């Protein structure tokens, strides 16, 4: 399979994720769209790793997965804090977390 298919699918996934981040207002959906964008980057990295026959792309993909896991932990923590403080679940209305 050609690298063009991997890159096309990665670009499509990234575009869907970017449009979700820009359009949606729910923080959970924004987090999911960010994950979609990171996975699109992973797909491109794995496609390049396959093309070059090198393991460096796979290592970078693992690093991106670790960063994505950290992003989810912090993001879900913020969403839980928003829910506990009964703040509006809308990223436009959210100005800051007050304790």
Foldseek 3Di string as FASTA:
>chain_A
DALVVLLVVLVVQLVVLVVQLVPDFFLVSVLVSVVSNLVSVLSNLVSVCVVVVHCPSVVVNVVSVVVSVVVVVVSVVVVVLCVVVVHDRTNVRDDDRDD
